[in-house]
Amino acid sequence: MRNRFLGKSVTVANLLAGRDIASALNGISQKPYMAILPPRVINMDGLFLDGMTLREIAQNAGIHIAIAPENAADIWKIMRG
């Protein structure tokens, strides 16, 4: 995924902007049902670095978006709904 918000030299998942994630998801030809994002990609207010929300990205990409829990074992719970 390209980090256009902070530049291509920044490769840390926690520093991805919402618009970069939305752009990457929109570039997928066969849309997945859900995208699970790293747990620290949003702040305590539920916002990405550029102020986008999970809802905005989900609506823009047309898929469900979830934030992974800190405990990777809990990802199964998210996938089951």
PDB file of N, CA and C in Angstrom:
ATOM      1  N   MET A   1       0.842  -1.155   0.000  1.00  0.00           N
ATOM      2  CA  MET A   1       0.000   0.000   0.000  1.00  0.00           C
ATOM      3  C   MET A   1       0.898   1.232   0.000  1.00  0.00           C
ATOM      4  N   ARG A   2       0.574   2.172  -0.820  1.00  0.00           N
ATOM      5  CA  ARG A   2       1.353   3.412  -0.921  1.00  0.00           C
ATOM      6  C   ARG A   2       0.911   4.420   0.127  1.00  0.00           C
ATOM      7  N   ASN A   3       1.869   4.998   0.794  1.00  0.00           N
ATOM      8  CA  ASN A   3       1.583   6.026   1.783  1.00  0.00           C
ATOM      9  C   ASN A   3       1.775   7.385   1.107  1.00  0.00           C
ATOM     10  N   ARG A   4       0.714   7.887   0.515  1.00  0.00           N
ATOM     11  CA  ARG A   4       0.785   9.184  -0.175  1.00  0.00           C
ATOM     12  C   ARG A   4       0.667  10.342   0.799  1.00  0.00           C
ATOM     13  N   PHE A   5       0.062  10.076   1.953  1.00  0.00           N
ATOM     14  CA  PHE A   5      -0.152  11.124   2.950  1.00  0.00           C
ATOM     15  C   PHE A   5       1.171  11.600   3.558  1.00  0.00           C
ATOM     16  N   LEU A   6       2.043  10.651   3.933  1.00  0.00           N
ATOM     17  CA  LEU A   6       3.320  11.006   4.555  1.00  0.00           C
ATOM     18  C   LEU A   6       4.523  10.751   3.651  1.00  0.00           C
ATOM     19  N   GLY A   7       4.305  10.089   2.521  1.00  0.00           N
ATOM     20  CA  GLY A   7       5.402   9.824   1.594  1.00  0.00           C
ATOM     21  C   GLY A   7       5.792   8.360   1.553  1.00  0.00           C
ATOM     22  N   LYS A   8       6.365   7.956   0.433  1.00  0.00           N
ATOM     23  CA  LYS A   8       6.666   6.542   0.216  1.00  0.00           C
ATOM     24  C   LYS A   8       7.740   5.987   1.137  1.00  0.00           C
ATOM     25  N   SER A   9       8.535   6.855   1.752  1.00  0.00           N
ATOM     26  CA  SER A   9       9.570   6.347   2.662  1.00  0.00           C
ATOM     27  C   SER A   9       8.987   5.921   4.012  1.00  0.00           C
ATOM     28  N   VAL A  10       7.742   6.298   4.298  1.00  0.00           N
ATOM     29  CA  VAL A  10       7.087   5.914   5.549  1.00  0.00           C
ATOM     30  C   VAL A  10       6.334   4.615   5.299  1.00  0.00           C
ATOM     31  N   THR A  11       6.776   3.552   5.971  1.00  0.00           N
ATOM     32  CA  THR A  11       6.211   2.225   5.710  1.00  0.00           C
ATOM     33  C   THR A  11       5.608   1.582   6.958  1.00  0.00           C
ATOM     34  N   VAL A  12       5.299   2.352   7.957  1.00  0.00           N
ATOM     35  CA  VAL A  12       4.717   1.845   9.189  1.00  0.00           C
ATOM     36  C   VAL A  12       3.195   1.831   9.050  1.00  0.00           C
ATOM     37  N   ALA A  13       2.571   0.683   9.310  1.00  0.00           N
ATOM     38  CA  ALA A  13       1.120   0.547   9.143  1.00  0.00           C
ATOM     39  C   ALA A  13       0.349   1.533  10.003  1.00  0.00           C
ATOM     40  N   ASN A  14       0.874   1.849  11.179  1.00  0.00           N
ATOM     41  CA  ASN A  14       0.177   2.773  12.079  1.00  0.00           C
ATOM     42  C   ASN A  14       0.139   4.193  11.536  1.00  0.00           C
ATOM     43  N   LEU A  15       0.927   4.477  10.534  1.00  0.00           N
ATOM     44  CA  LEU A  15       0.975   5.825   9.971  1.00  0.00           C
ATOM     45  C   LEU A  15       0.296   5.916   8.607  1.00  0.00           C
ATOM     46  N   LEU A  16      -0.684   5.053   8.376  1.00  0.00           N
ATOM     47  CA  LEU A  16      -1.443   5.112   7.128  1.00  0.00           C
ATOM     48  C   LEU A  16      -2.644   6.039   7.291  1.00  0.00           C
ATOM     49  N   ALA A  17      -2.857   6.861   6.294  1.00  0.00           N
ATOM     50  CA  ALA A  17      -4.019   7.749   6.293  1.00  0.00           C
ATOM     51  C   ALA A  17      -5.229   6.998   5.739  1.00  0.00           C
ATOM     52  N   GLY A  18      -6.397   7.422   6.143  1.00  0.00           N
ATOM     53  CA  GLY A  18      -7.628   6.805   5.666  1.00  0.00           C
ATOM     54  C   GLY A  18      -7.751   6.837   4.158  1.00  0.00           C
ATOM     55  N   ARG A  19      -7.375   7.940   3.555  1.00  0.00           N
ATOM     56  CA  ARG A  19      -7.521   8.044   2.092  1.00  0.00           C
ATOM     57  C   ARG A  19      -6.581   7.083   1.355  1.00  0.00           C
ATOM     58  N   ASP A  20      -5.416   6.777   1.952  1.00  0.00           N
ATOM     59  CA  ASP A  20      -4.515   5.811   1.330  1.00  0.00           C
ATOM     60  C   ASP A  20      -5.095   4.404   1.417  1.00  0.00           C
ATOM     61  N   ILE A  21      -5.713   4.083   2.546  1.00  0.00           N
ATOM     62  CA  ILE A  21      -6.358   2.780   2.702  1.00  0.00           C
ATOM     63  C   ILE A  21      -7.543   2.665   1.750  1.00  0.00           C
ATOM     64  N   ALA A  22      -8.358   3.712   1.683  1.00  0.00           N
ATOM     65  CA  ALA A  22      -9.511   3.718   0.771  1.00  0.00           C
ATOM     66  C   ALA A  22      -9.055   3.556  -0.676  1.00  0.00           C
ATOM     67  N   SER A  23      -8.002   4.231  -1.038  1.00  0.00           N
ATOM     68  CA  SER A  23      -7.481   4.141  -2.404  1.00  0.00           C
ATOM     69  C   SER A  23      -7.014   2.716  -2.710  1.00  0.00           C
ATOM     70  N   ALA A  24      -6.326   2.104  -1.766  1.00  0.00           N
ATOM     71  CA  ALA A  24      -5.852   0.731  -1.974  1.00  0.00           C
ATOM     72  C   ALA A  24      -7.026  -0.235  -2.091  1.00  0.00           C
ATOM     73  N   LEU A  25      -8.031  -0.069  -1.252  1.00  0.00           N
ATOM     74  CA  LEU A  25      -9.196  -0.946  -1.315  1.00  0.00           C
ATOM     75  C   LEU A  25      -9.970  -0.762  -2.609  1.00  0.00           C
ATOM     76  N   ASN A  26     -10.042   0.454  -3.101  1.00  0.00           N
ATOM     77  CA  ASN A  26     -10.742   0.715  -4.357  1.00  0.00           C
ATOM     78  C   ASN A  26      -9.986   0.169  -5.561  1.00  0.00           C
ATOM     79  N   GLY A  27      -8.686  -0.074  -5.383  1.00  0.00           N
ATOM     80  CA  GLY A  27      -7.878  -0.614  -6.470  1.00  0.00           C
ATOM     81  C   GLY A  27      -7.965  -2.121  -6.615  1.00  0.00           C
ATOM     82  N   ILE A  28      -8.698  -2.777  -5.735  1.00  0.00           N
ATOM     83  CA  ILE A  28      -8.840  -4.229  -5.790  1.00  0.00           C
ATOM     84  C   ILE A  28      -9.981  -4.573  -6.744  1.00  0.00           C
ATOM     85  N   SER A  29      -9.695  -5.401  -7.732  1.00  0.00           N
ATOM     86  CA  SER A  29     -10.729  -5.712  -8.738  1.00  0.00           C
ATOM     87  C   SER A  29     -11.834  -6.601  -8.167  1.00  0.00           C
ATOM     88  N   GLN A  30     -11.499  -7.596  -7.372  1.00  0.00           N
ATOM     89  CA  GLN A  30     -12.508  -8.440  -6.733  1.00  0.00           C
ATOM     90  C   GLN A  30     -12.574  -8.058  -5.264  1.00  0.00           C
ATOM     91  N   LYS A  31     -13.593  -7.319  -4.912  1.00  0.00           N
ATOM     92  CA  LYS A  31     -13.722  -6.796  -3.552  1.00  0.00           C
ATOM     93  C   LYS A  31     -13.898  -7.925  -2.535  1.00  0.00           C
ATOM     94  N   PRO A  32     -13.145  -7.870  -1.448  1.00  0.00           N
ATOM     95  CA  PRO A  32     -13.380  -8.826  -0.369  1.00  0.00           C
ATOM     96  C   PRO A  32     -14.635  -8.424   0.405  1.00  0.00           C
ATOM     97  N   TYR A  33     -15.145  -9.328   1.208  1.00  0.00           N
ATOM     98  CA  TYR A  33     -16.293  -9.015   2.059  1.00  0.00           C
ATOM     99  C   TYR A  33     -15.878  -8.035   3.153  1.00  0.00           C
ATOM    100  N   MET A  34     -14.658  -8.218   3.674  1.00  0.00           N
ATOM    101  CA  MET A  34     -14.215  -7.427   4.807  1.00  0.00           C
ATOM    102  C   MET A  34     -12.715  -7.168   4.731  1.00  0.00           C
ATOM    103  N   ALA A  35     -12.312  -6.021   5.236  1.00  0.00           N
ATOM    104  CA  ALA A  35     -10.893  -5.716   5.418  1.00  0.00           C
ATOM    105  C   ALA A  35     -10.663  -5.519   6.913  1.00  0.00           C
ATOM    106  N   ILE A  36      -9.630  -6.168   7.443  1.00  0.00           N
ATOM    107  CA  ILE A  36      -9.273  -6.017   8.852  1.00  0.00           C
ATOM    108  C   ILE A  36      -7.979  -5.208   8.907  1.00  0.00           C
ATOM    109  N   LEU A  37      -8.053  -4.080   9.568  1.00  0.00           N
ATOM    110  CA  LEU A  37      -6.923  -3.149   9.632  1.00  0.00           C
ATOM    111  C   LEU A  37      -6.165  -3.279  10.939  1.00  0.00           C
ATOM    112  N   PRO A  38      -4.901  -2.866  10.959  1.00  0.00           N
ATOM    113  CA  PRO A  38      -4.102  -2.938  12.183  1.00  0.00           C
ATOM    114  C   PRO A  38      -4.750  -2.141  13.319  1.00  0.00           C
ATOM    115  N   PRO A  39      -4.588  -2.595  14.558  1.00  0.00           N
ATOM    116  CA  PRO A  39      -5.291  -1.983  15.683  1.00  0.00           C
ATOM    117  C   PRO A  39      -4.941  -0.526  15.975  1.00  0.00           C
ATOM    118  N   ARG A  40      -3.776  -0.112  15.643  1.00  0.00           N
ATOM    119  CA  ARG A  40      -3.385   1.260  15.999  1.00  0.00           C
ATOM    120  C   ARG A  40      -3.401   2.228  14.829  1.00  0.00           C
ATOM    121  N   VAL A  41      -4.118   1.862  13.794  1.00  0.00           N
ATOM    122  CA  VAL A  41      -4.198   2.723  12.614  1.00  0.00           C
ATOM    123  C   VAL A  41      -5.163   3.896  12.848  1.00  0.00           C
ATOM    124  N   ILE A  42      -6.015   3.781  13.877  1.00  0.00           N
ATOM    125  CA  ILE A  42      -6.910   4.892  14.241  1.00  0.00           C
ATOM    126  C   ILE A  42      -6.573   5.377  15.649  1.00  0.00           C
ATOM    127  N   ASN A  43      -6.955   6.604  15.946  1.00  0.00           N
ATOM    128  CA  ASN A  43      -6.694   7.152  17.272  1.00  0.00           C
ATOM    129  C   ASN A  43      -7.858   6.850  18.221  1.00  0.00           C
ATOM    130  N   MET A  44      -7.792   7.367  19.422  1.00  0.00           N
ATOM    131  CA  MET A  44      -8.810   7.102  20.445  1.00  0.00           C
ATOM    132  C   MET A  44     -10.195   7.620  20.038  1.00  0.00           C
ATOM    133  N   ASP A  45     -10.233   8.577  19.121  1.00  0.00           N
ATOM    134  CA  ASP A  45     -11.502   9.121  18.640  1.00  0.00           C
ATOM    135  C   ASP A  45     -12.031   8.372  17.420  1.00  0.00           C
ATOM    136  N   GLY A  46     -11.322   7.319  17.001  1.00  0.00           N
ATOM    137  CA  GLY A  46     -11.748   6.544  15.843  1.00  0.00           C
ATOM    138  C   GLY A  46     -11.404   7.194  14.516  1.00  0.00           C
ATOM    139  N   LEU A  47     -10.390   8.053  14.515  1.00  0.00           N
ATOM    140  CA  LEU A  47     -10.004   8.767  13.298  1.00  0.00           C
ATOM    141  C   LEU A  47      -8.627   8.341  12.801  1.00  0.00           C
ATOM    142  N   PHE A  48      -8.477   8.371  11.499  1.00  0.00           N
ATOM    143  CA  PHE A  48      -7.170   8.142  10.885  1.00  0.00           C
ATOM    144  C   PHE A  48      -6.384   9.452  10.901  1.00  0.00           C
ATOM    145  N   LEU A  49      -5.135   9.413  10.495  1.00  0.00           N
ATOM    146  CA  LEU A  49      -4.279  10.606  10.502  1.00  0.00           C
ATOM    147  C   LEU A  49      -4.881  11.773   9.742  1.00  0.00           C
ATOM    148  N   ASP A  50      -5.617  11.484   8.691  1.00  0.00           N
ATOM    149  CA  ASP A  50      -6.199  12.542   7.863  1.00  0.00           C
ATOM    150  C   ASP A  50      -7.625  12.909   8.283  1.00  0.00           C
ATOM    151  N   GLY A  51      -8.091  12.358   9.410  1.00  0.00           N
ATOM    152  CA  GLY A  51      -9.413  12.706   9.913  1.00  0.00           C
ATOM    153  C   GLY A  51     -10.546  11.840   9.395  1.00  0.00           C
ATOM    154  N   MET A  52     -10.257  10.900   8.506  1.00  0.00           N
ATOM    155  CA  MET A  52     -11.306  10.003   8.005  1.00  0.00           C
ATOM    156  C   MET A  52     -11.735   9.038   9.097  1.00  0.00           C
ATOM    157  N   THR A  53     -12.968   8.547   8.978  1.00  0.00           N
ATOM    158  CA  THR A  53     -13.495   7.566   9.921  1.00  0.00           C
ATOM    159  C   THR A  53     -13.578   6.197   9.245  1.00  0.00           C
ATOM    160  N   LEU A  54     -13.756   5.164  10.053  1.00  0.00           N
ATOM    161  CA  LEU A  54     -13.957   3.822   9.508  1.00  0.00           C
ATOM    162  C   LEU A  54     -15.178   3.782   8.601  1.00  0.00           C
ATOM    163  N   ARG A  55     -16.236   4.443   9.030  1.00  0.00           N
ATOM    164  CA  ARG A  55     -17.474   4.474   8.236  1.00  0.00           C
ATOM    165  C   ARG A  55     -17.230   5.078   6.854  1.00  0.00           C
ATOM    166  N   GLU A  56     -16.478   6.165   6.801  1.00  0.00           N
ATOM    167  CA  GLU A  56     -16.195   6.803   5.510  1.00  0.00           C
ATOM    168  C   GLU A  56     -15.430   5.861   4.589  1.00  0.00           C
ATOM    169  N   ILE A  57     -14.449   5.159   5.145  1.00  0.00           N
ATOM    170  CA  ILE A  57     -13.672   4.231   4.321  1.00  0.00           C
ATOM    171  C   ILE A  57     -14.548   3.078   3.855  1.00  0.00           C
ATOM    172  N   ALA A  58     -15.357   2.530   4.745  1.00  0.00           N
ATOM    173  CA  ALA A  58     -16.236   1.421   4.386  1.00  0.00           C
ATOM    174  C   ALA A  58     -17.215   1.838   3.291  1.00  0.00           C
ATOM    175  N   GLN A  59     -17.794   3.012   3.429  1.00  0.00           N
ATOM    176  CA  GLN A  59     -18.733   3.499   2.408  1.00  0.00           C
ATOM    177  C   GLN A  59     -18.025   3.739   1.091  1.00  0.00           C
ATOM    178  N   ASN A  60     -16.835   4.315   1.159  1.00  0.00           N
ATOM    179  CA  ASN A  60     -16.056   4.614  -0.047  1.00  0.00           C
ATOM    180  C   ASN A  60     -15.662   3.334  -0.770  1.00  0.00           C
ATOM    181  N   ALA A  61     -15.250   2.319  -0.010  1.00  0.00           N
ATOM    182  CA  ALA A  61     -14.776   1.070  -0.615  1.00  0.00           C
ATOM    183  C   ALA A  61     -15.911   0.084  -0.894  1.00  0.00           C
ATOM    184  N   GLY A  62     -17.046   0.269  -0.232  1.00  0.00           N
ATOM    185  CA  GLY A  62     -18.170  -0.630  -0.431  1.00  0.00           C
ATOM    186  C   GLY A  62     -17.994  -1.991   0.218  1.00  0.00           C
ATOM    187  N   ILE A  63     -17.200  -2.062   1.298  1.00  0.00           N
ATOM    188  CA  ILE A  63     -17.002  -3.319   2.028  1.00  0.00           C
ATOM    189  C   ILE A  63     -17.029  -3.037   3.529  1.00  0.00           C
ATOM    190  N   HIS A  64     -17.104  -4.100   4.309  1.00  0.00           N
ATOM    191  CA  HIS A  64     -17.043  -3.966   5.760  1.00  0.00           C
ATOM    192  C   HIS A  64     -15.591  -3.744   6.184  1.00  0.00           C
ATOM    193  N   ILE A  65     -15.401  -2.900   7.182  1.00  0.00           N
ATOM    194  CA  ILE A  65     -14.069  -2.619   7.708  1.00  0.00           C
ATOM    195  C   ILE A  65     -14.085  -2.906   9.197  1.00  0.00           C
ATOM    196  N   ALA A  66     -13.064  -3.602   9.672  1.00  0.00           N
ATOM    197  CA  ALA A  66     -12.928  -3.877  11.102  1.00  0.00           C
ATOM    198  C   ALA A  66     -11.504  -3.555  11.526  1.00  0.00           C
ATOM    199  N   ILE A  67     -11.356  -3.212  12.779  1.00  0.00           N
ATOM    200  CA  ILE A  67     -10.035  -2.983  13.360  1.00  0.00           C
ATOM    201  C   ILE A  67      -9.651  -4.236  14.130  1.00  0.00           C
ATOM    202  N   ALA A  68      -8.477  -4.755  13.844  1.00  0.00           N
ATOM    203  CA  ALA A  68      -8.002  -5.958  14.530  1.00  0.00           C
ATOM    204  C   ALA A  68      -7.782  -5.649  16.007  1.00  0.00           C
ATOM    205  N   PRO A  69      -8.068  -6.614  16.859  1.00  0.00           N
ATOM    206  CA  PRO A  69      -7.786  -6.425  18.280  1.00  0.00           C
ATOM    207  C   PRO A  69      -6.283  -6.499  18.527  1.00  0.00           C
ATOM    208  N   GLU A  70      -5.852  -6.008  19.652  1.00  0.00           N
ATOM    209  CA  GLU A  70      -4.434  -6.094  20.017  1.00  0.00           C
ATOM    210  C   GLU A  70      -3.998  -7.556  20.123  1.00  0.00           C
ATOM    211  N   ASN A  71      -4.899  -8.407  20.579  1.00  0.00           N
ATOM    212  CA  ASN A  71      -4.635  -9.838  20.708  1.00  0.00           C
ATOM    213  C   ASN A  71      -5.038 -10.519  19.402  1.00  0.00           C
ATOM    214  N   ALA A  72      -4.067 -11.009  18.656  1.00  0.00           N
ATOM    215  CA  ALA A  72      -4.341 -11.594  17.343  1.00  0.00           C
ATOM    216  C   ALA A  72      -5.303 -12.781  17.411  1.00  0.00           C
ATOM    217  N   ALA A  73      -5.348 -13.471  18.521  1.00  0.00           N
ATOM    218  CA  ALA A  73      -6.257 -14.611  18.653  1.00  0.00           C
ATOM    219  C   ALA A  73      -7.717 -14.181  18.572  1.00  0.00           C
ATOM    220  N   ASP A  74      -8.003 -12.920  18.864  1.00  0.00           N
ATOM    221  CA  ASP A  74      -9.380 -12.430  18.830  1.00  0.00           C
ATOM    222  C   ASP A  74      -9.850 -12.066  17.426  1.00  0.00           C
ATOM    223  N   ILE A  75      -8.991 -12.169  16.442  1.00  0.00           N
ATOM    224  CA  ILE A  75      -9.395 -11.853  15.061  1.00  0.00           C
ATOM    225  C   ILE A  75     -10.526 -12.788  14.617  1.00  0.00           C
ATOM    226  N   TRP A  76     -10.476 -14.036  15.041  1.00  0.00           N
ATOM    227  CA  TRP A  76     -11.537 -14.985  14.677  1.00  0.00           C
ATOM    228  C   TRP A  76     -12.899 -14.477  15.111  1.00  0.00           C
ATOM    229  N   LYS A  77     -12.974 -13.832  16.269  1.00  0.00           N
ATOM    230  CA  LYS A  77     -14.246 -13.300  16.755  1.00  0.00           C
ATOM    231  C   LYS A  77     -14.779 -12.230  15.819  1.00  0.00           C
ATOM    232  N   ILE A  78     -13.899 -11.396  15.298  1.00  0.00           N
ATOM    233  CA  ILE A  78     -14.299 -10.351  14.356  1.00  0.00           C
ATOM    234  C   ILE A  78     -14.820 -10.978  13.062  1.00  0.00           C
ATOM    235  N   MET A  79     -14.127 -11.964  12.572  1.00  0.00           N
ATOM    236  CA  MET A  79     -14.502 -12.580  11.304  1.00  0.00           C
ATOM    237  C   MET A  79     -15.844 -13.305  11.396  1.00  0.00           C
ATOM    238  N   ARG A  80     -16.171 -13.803  12.561  1.00  0.00           N
ATOM    239  CA  ARG A  80     -17.446 -14.507  12.732  1.00  0.00           C
ATOM    240  C   ARG A  80     -18.616 -13.540  12.932  1.00  0.00           C
ATOM    241  N   GLY A  81     -18.289 -12.290  13.191  1.00  0.00           N
ATOM    242  CA  GLY A  81     -19.341 -11.292  13.345  1.00  0.00           C
ATOM    243  C   GLY A  81     -19.739 -11.161  14.739  1.00  0.00           C
TER     244      GLY A  81
END
